[in-house]
Amino acid sequence: MTISYMVDLENAHEILTSMPEATEEPHFDKSAYKIKGKIFATFNIDNKWVTLKLTPEQQTIFCEDGSFYPVPNKWGQLGWTHVDLNLVKKSAFMEGVSTAYNNIISQKNEKRKR
């Protein structure tokens, strides 16, 4: 039997800051996690959620989990997705963070090719 632990605030922060070259910067009333100046996640400690920059297609897949859900506005239609830290399994959270991070890396690499 495999046990997948939930993510507490400290774990979430550690995972977000463990991404290569990621920086943490203030963003309004929360922290933003960036790679080369582009946000891949924000962290709302008060509400215990992380918001990830996914594609709309990725968002659809992750939202099947039940702990991921679209931001309820225009940003959500663009792929921005909340992750409820009270519900998410660590493995799913790590996969979501990695996906959001890699989306930004891919965008940066596409621009270099042009």
N, C-alpha and C. Protein backbone atom coordinates (compact mmCIF):
# COMPACT_ATOMS: atom_id res chain seq x y z
N MET A 1 0.85 -1.18 0.00
CA MET A 1 0.00 0.00 0.00
C MET A 1 0.89 1.24 0.00
N THR A 2 0.64 2.18 -0.92
CA THR A 2 1.39 3.42 -1.02
C THR A 2 0.67 4.51 -0.25
N ILE A 3 1.41 5.22 0.59
CA ILE A 3 0.83 6.33 1.33
C ILE A 3 1.29 7.62 0.66
N SER A 4 0.35 8.50 0.34
CA SER A 4 0.69 9.79 -0.24
C SER A 4 0.22 10.87 0.72
N TYR A 5 1.16 11.57 1.30
CA TYR A 5 0.86 12.55 2.33
C TYR A 5 0.34 13.85 1.75
N MET A 6 -0.46 14.55 2.57
CA MET A 6 -0.96 15.86 2.19
C MET A 6 0.18 16.87 2.30
N VAL A 7 -0.08 18.07 1.80
CA VAL A 7 0.94 19.12 1.76
C VAL A 7 0.59 20.18 2.79
N ASP A 8 1.53 20.44 3.70
CA ASP A 8 1.31 21.54 4.64
C ASP A 8 1.98 22.79 4.08
N LEU A 9 1.84 23.90 4.76
CA LEU A 9 2.38 25.17 4.26
C LEU A 9 3.89 25.12 4.07
N GLU A 10 4.59 24.52 5.00
CA GLU A 10 6.05 24.43 4.90
C GLU A 10 6.46 23.56 3.72
N ASN A 11 5.78 22.40 3.53
CA ASN A 11 6.08 21.54 2.38
C ASN A 11 5.85 22.27 1.08
N ALA A 12 4.74 22.99 0.99
CA ALA A 12 4.41 23.71 -0.24
C ALA A 12 5.51 24.71 -0.57
N HIS A 13 5.93 25.47 0.42
CA HIS A 13 7.00 26.45 0.21
C HIS A 13 8.28 25.77 -0.24
N GLU A 14 8.64 24.67 0.41
CA GLU A 14 9.86 23.94 0.05
C GLU A 14 9.81 23.43 -1.39
N ILE A 15 8.67 22.91 -1.80
CA ILE A 15 8.52 22.39 -3.16
C ILE A 15 8.62 23.53 -4.17
N LEU A 16 7.94 24.63 -3.90
CA LEU A 16 7.96 25.77 -4.83
C LEU A 16 9.36 26.35 -4.98
N THR A 17 10.08 26.47 -3.87
CA THR A 17 11.42 27.06 -3.94
C THR A 17 12.49 26.08 -4.40
N SER A 18 12.14 24.80 -4.48
CA SER A 18 13.12 23.80 -4.92
C SER A 18 13.25 23.72 -6.44
N MET A 19 12.39 24.40 -7.16
CA MET A 19 12.48 24.38 -8.62
C MET A 19 13.73 25.14 -9.05
N PRO A 20 14.50 24.59 -9.99
CA PRO A 20 15.76 25.23 -10.39
C PRO A 20 15.59 26.70 -10.80
N GLU A 21 16.40 27.55 -10.22
CA GLU A 21 16.44 28.99 -10.50
C GLU A 21 15.16 29.73 -10.13
N ALA A 22 14.26 29.10 -9.38
CA ALA A 22 13.02 29.77 -8.98
C ALA A 22 13.33 30.84 -7.94
N THR A 23 12.62 31.96 -8.05
CA THR A 23 12.74 33.02 -7.07
C THR A 23 11.38 33.25 -6.44
N GLU A 24 11.39 33.74 -5.21
CA GLU A 24 10.16 34.08 -4.50
C GLU A 24 10.14 35.59 -4.34
N GLU A 25 9.03 36.21 -4.76
CA GLU A 25 8.91 37.66 -4.69
C GLU A 25 7.50 38.03 -4.23
N PRO A 26 7.36 39.18 -3.56
CA PRO A 26 6.02 39.63 -3.18
C PRO A 26 5.17 39.90 -4.42
N HIS A 27 3.90 39.55 -4.33
CA HIS A 27 2.95 39.79 -5.42
C HIS A 27 1.61 40.14 -4.78
N PHE A 28 1.33 41.42 -4.67
CA PHE A 28 0.15 41.92 -3.94
C PHE A 28 0.20 41.37 -2.52
N ASP A 29 -0.82 40.61 -2.10
CA ASP A 29 -0.88 40.12 -0.72
C ASP A 29 -0.37 38.69 -0.57
N LYS A 30 0.38 38.20 -1.56
CA LYS A 30 0.88 36.83 -1.50
C LYS A 30 2.29 36.76 -2.07
N SER A 31 2.84 35.58 -2.07
CA SER A 31 4.16 35.36 -2.67
C SER A 31 3.99 34.81 -4.08
N ALA A 32 4.85 35.27 -4.98
CA ALA A 32 4.88 34.74 -6.35
C ALA A 32 6.18 33.97 -6.52
N TYR A 33 6.10 32.89 -7.25
CA TYR A 33 7.27 32.07 -7.56
C TYR A 33 7.50 32.20 -9.05
N LYS A 34 8.71 32.64 -9.39
CA LYS A 34 9.01 32.99 -10.77
C LYS A 34 10.22 32.22 -11.26
N ILE A 35 10.25 32.05 -12.57
CA ILE A 35 11.44 31.56 -13.24
C ILE A 35 11.75 32.57 -14.34
N LYS A 36 12.91 33.16 -14.25
CA LYS A 36 13.36 34.18 -15.21
C LYS A 36 12.32 35.30 -15.40
N GLY A 37 11.73 35.73 -14.28
CA GLY A 37 10.81 36.86 -14.30
C GLY A 37 9.36 36.53 -14.59
N LYS A 38 9.04 35.28 -14.89
CA LYS A 38 7.66 34.89 -15.21
C LYS A 38 7.08 34.05 -14.07
N ILE A 39 5.86 34.37 -13.66
CA ILE A 39 5.20 33.65 -12.56
C ILE A 39 4.73 32.27 -13.03
N PHE A 40 5.09 31.25 -12.24
CA PHE A 40 4.53 29.92 -12.47
C PHE A 40 3.59 29.51 -11.34
N ALA A 41 3.67 30.23 -10.20
CA ALA A 41 2.79 29.93 -9.08
C ALA A 41 2.71 31.12 -8.14
N THR A 42 1.58 31.23 -7.43
CA THR A 42 1.46 32.16 -6.32
C THR A 42 0.98 31.35 -5.11
N PHE A 43 1.25 31.87 -3.92
CA PHE A 43 0.97 31.14 -2.69
C PHE A 43 0.16 32.03 -1.78
N ASN A 44 -1.08 31.65 -1.53
CA ASN A 44 -1.96 32.38 -0.61
C ASN A 44 -2.00 31.60 0.70
N ILE A 45 -1.15 32.00 1.63
CA ILE A 45 -1.02 31.28 2.89
C ILE A 45 -2.32 31.34 3.70
N ASP A 46 -2.98 32.50 3.73
CA ASP A 46 -4.20 32.66 4.53
C ASP A 46 -5.29 31.67 4.11
N ASN A 47 -5.43 31.47 2.81
CA ASN A 47 -6.47 30.56 2.31
C ASN A 47 -5.96 29.14 2.09
N LYS A 48 -4.66 28.91 2.34
CA LYS A 48 -4.03 27.60 2.16
C LYS A 48 -4.23 27.06 0.75
N TRP A 49 -3.92 27.92 -0.25
CA TRP A 49 -3.92 27.42 -1.60
C TRP A 49 -2.76 28.00 -2.38
N VAL A 50 -2.37 27.24 -3.39
CA VAL A 50 -1.37 27.67 -4.35
C VAL A 50 -2.08 27.79 -5.68
N THR A 51 -1.75 28.81 -6.44
CA THR A 51 -2.33 28.99 -7.76
C THR A 51 -1.24 28.75 -8.78
N LEU A 52 -1.52 27.83 -9.73
CA LEU A 52 -0.54 27.43 -10.73
C LEU A 52 -0.93 27.92 -12.11
N LYS A 53 0.07 28.22 -12.93
CA LYS A 53 -0.15 28.62 -14.32
C LYS A 53 -0.07 27.37 -15.19
N LEU A 54 -1.24 26.81 -15.47
CA LEU A 54 -1.36 25.65 -16.34
C LEU A 54 -1.96 26.09 -17.67
N THR A 55 -1.92 25.23 -18.67
CA THR A 55 -2.66 25.49 -19.89
C THR A 55 -4.10 25.08 -19.61
N PRO A 56 -5.07 25.58 -20.37
CA PRO A 56 -6.45 25.13 -20.17
C PRO A 56 -6.60 23.61 -20.28
N GLU A 57 -5.85 23.00 -21.18
CA GLU A 57 -5.93 21.54 -21.35
C GLU A 57 -5.38 20.83 -20.11
N GLN A 58 -4.25 21.31 -19.59
CA GLN A 58 -3.69 20.72 -18.38
C GLN A 58 -4.63 20.93 -17.20
N GLN A 59 -5.24 22.10 -17.14
CA GLN A 59 -6.17 22.41 -16.07
C GLN A 59 -7.30 21.38 -16.03
N THR A 60 -7.85 21.06 -17.17
CA THR A 60 -8.94 20.09 -17.25
C THR A 60 -8.52 18.75 -16.65
N ILE A 61 -7.32 18.32 -16.97
CA ILE A 61 -6.83 17.03 -16.46
C ILE A 61 -6.59 17.10 -14.95
N PHE A 62 -5.91 18.13 -14.48
CA PHE A 62 -5.62 18.24 -13.05
C PHE A 62 -6.90 18.40 -12.22
N CYS A 63 -7.90 19.08 -12.77
CA CYS A 63 -9.13 19.32 -12.01
C CYS A 63 -9.94 18.05 -11.77
N GLU A 64 -9.62 16.98 -12.45
CA GLU A 64 -10.27 15.70 -12.18
C GLU A 64 -9.93 15.19 -10.79
N ASP A 65 -8.85 15.68 -10.22
CA ASP A 65 -8.34 15.28 -8.91
C ASP A 65 -9.26 15.71 -7.77
N GLY A 66 -9.96 16.84 -7.90
CA GLY A 66 -10.83 17.33 -6.84
C GLY A 66 -10.18 18.33 -5.91
N SER A 67 -8.85 18.38 -5.89
CA SER A 67 -8.16 19.37 -5.06
C SER A 67 -7.65 20.53 -5.92
N PHE A 68 -7.79 20.42 -7.23
CA PHE A 68 -7.44 21.47 -8.18
C PHE A 68 -8.76 22.02 -8.73
N TYR A 69 -8.83 23.34 -8.91
CA TYR A 69 -10.03 23.91 -9.53
C TYR A 69 -9.66 25.24 -10.18
N PRO A 70 -10.35 25.58 -11.30
CA PRO A 70 -10.02 26.82 -12.01
C PRO A 70 -10.26 28.05 -11.14
N VAL A 71 -9.40 29.05 -11.29
CA VAL A 71 -9.66 30.34 -10.66
C VAL A 71 -10.99 30.82 -11.22
N PRO A 72 -11.91 31.25 -10.38
CA PRO A 72 -13.28 31.56 -10.84
C PRO A 72 -13.43 32.93 -11.52
N ASN A 73 -12.68 33.15 -12.57
CA ASN A 73 -12.81 34.38 -13.34
C ASN A 73 -12.09 34.20 -14.67
N LYS A 74 -11.83 35.28 -15.36
CA LYS A 74 -11.15 35.22 -16.65
C LYS A 74 -9.78 34.54 -16.55
N TRP A 75 -9.07 34.75 -15.42
CA TRP A 75 -7.77 34.12 -15.23
C TRP A 75 -7.90 32.59 -15.28
N GLY A 76 -8.98 32.08 -14.72
CA GLY A 76 -9.21 30.64 -14.73
C GLY A 76 -9.38 30.10 -16.14
N GLN A 77 -10.01 30.88 -17.01
CA GLN A 77 -10.18 30.45 -18.40
C GLN A 77 -8.85 30.40 -19.14
N LEU A 78 -7.85 31.12 -18.61
CA LEU A 78 -6.51 31.12 -19.22
C LEU A 78 -5.63 30.01 -18.66
N GLY A 79 -6.14 29.22 -17.72
CA GLY A 79 -5.40 28.10 -17.17
C GLY A 79 -4.96 28.26 -15.72
N TRP A 80 -5.12 29.45 -15.15
CA TRP A 80 -4.72 29.64 -13.76
C TRP A 80 -5.61 28.76 -12.88
N THR A 81 -4.97 27.97 -12.02
CA THR A 81 -5.66 26.91 -11.29
C THR A 81 -5.27 26.93 -9.82
N HIS A 82 -6.29 26.97 -8.93
CA HIS A 82 -6.04 26.88 -7.49
C HIS A 82 -5.82 25.42 -7.10
N VAL A 83 -4.95 25.24 -6.12
CA VAL A 83 -4.73 23.93 -5.52
C VAL A 83 -5.00 24.06 -4.02
N ASP A 84 -5.99 23.32 -3.53
CA ASP A 84 -6.36 23.37 -2.12
C ASP A 84 -5.38 22.49 -1.33
N LEU A 85 -4.54 23.11 -0.52
CA LEU A 85 -3.55 22.37 0.24
C LEU A 85 -4.17 21.49 1.32
N ASN A 86 -5.42 21.74 1.67
CA ASN A 86 -6.11 20.90 2.64
C ASN A 86 -6.52 19.55 2.04
N LEU A 87 -6.55 19.48 0.71
CA LEU A 87 -7.05 18.28 0.03
C LEU A 87 -6.02 17.56 -0.84
N VAL A 88 -5.03 18.28 -1.34
CA VAL A 88 -4.14 17.72 -2.37
C VAL A 88 -3.13 16.73 -1.77
N LYS A 89 -2.89 15.68 -2.50
CA LYS A 89 -1.83 14.73 -2.14
C LYS A 89 -0.50 15.32 -2.61
N LYS A 90 0.54 15.01 -1.88
CA LYS A 90 1.86 15.57 -2.17
C LYS A 90 2.29 15.24 -3.60
N SER A 91 2.06 14.02 -4.04
CA SER A 91 2.48 13.62 -5.39
C SER A 91 1.77 14.44 -6.46
N ALA A 92 0.47 14.69 -6.28
CA ALA A 92 -0.29 15.50 -7.25
C ALA A 92 0.18 16.94 -7.23
N PHE A 93 0.44 17.47 -6.03
CA PHE A 93 0.93 18.84 -5.91
C PHE A 93 2.27 19.00 -6.62
N MET A 94 3.17 18.07 -6.38
CA MET A 94 4.49 18.13 -7.00
C MET A 94 4.39 18.06 -8.53
N GLU A 95 3.49 17.23 -9.01
CA GLU A 95 3.29 17.13 -10.46
C GLU A 95 2.73 18.43 -11.02
N GLY A 96 1.77 19.04 -10.32
CA GLY A 96 1.21 20.31 -10.77
C GLY A 96 2.24 21.42 -10.80
N VAL A 97 3.05 21.52 -9.75
CA VAL A 97 4.09 22.55 -9.68
C VAL A 97 5.10 22.34 -10.81
N SER A 98 5.50 21.11 -11.01
CA SER A 98 6.46 20.81 -12.07
C SER A 98 5.90 21.15 -13.45
N THR A 99 4.63 20.87 -13.66
CA THR A 99 3.98 21.19 -14.94
C THR A 99 3.95 22.70 -15.17
N ALA A 100 3.54 23.46 -14.15
CA ALA A 100 3.48 24.92 -14.27
C ALA A 100 4.88 25.49 -14.52
N TYR A 101 5.85 25.00 -13.80
CA TYR A 101 7.23 25.44 -13.96
C TYR A 101 7.71 25.16 -15.39
N ASN A 102 7.48 23.94 -15.85
CA ASN A 102 7.93 23.56 -17.20
C ASN A 102 7.20 24.33 -18.30
N ASN A 103 5.97 24.76 -18.04
CA ASN A 103 5.26 25.60 -19.01
C ASN A 103 6.03 26.90 -19.24
N ILE A 104 6.54 27.50 -18.17
CA ILE A 104 7.29 28.74 -18.30
C ILE A 104 8.62 28.48 -19.00
N ILE A 105 9.30 27.42 -18.62
CA ILE A 105 10.57 27.05 -19.27
C ILE A 105 10.35 26.85 -20.77
N SER A 106 9.28 26.18 -21.14
CA SER A 106 8.97 25.93 -22.56
C SER A 106 8.73 27.24 -23.30
N GLN A 107 8.00 28.17 -22.67
CA GLN A 107 7.75 29.47 -23.30
C GLN A 107 9.06 30.20 -23.53
N LYS A 108 9.95 30.17 -22.54
CA LYS A 108 11.24 30.86 -22.66
C LYS A 108 12.06 30.25 -23.80
N ASN A 109 12.04 28.92 -23.92
CA ASN A 109 12.81 28.24 -24.97
C ASN A 109 12.23 28.53 -26.35
N GLU A 110 10.90 28.64 -26.46
CA GLU A 110 10.27 28.97 -27.74
C GLU A 110 10.68 30.37 -28.21
N LYS A 111 10.75 31.31 -27.29
CA LYS A 111 11.13 32.68 -27.64
C LYS A 111 12.58 32.74 -28.11
N ARG A 112 13.44 31.92 -27.51
CA ARG A 112 14.85 31.90 -27.92
C ARG A 112 15.02 31.37 -29.34
N LYS A 113 14.16 30.46 -29.74
CA LYS A 113 14.26 29.85 -31.07
C LYS A 113 13.88 30.83 -32.17
N ARG A 114 13.09 31.84 -31.85
CA ARG A 114 12.62 32.79 -32.86
C ARG A 114 13.69 33.75 -33.27
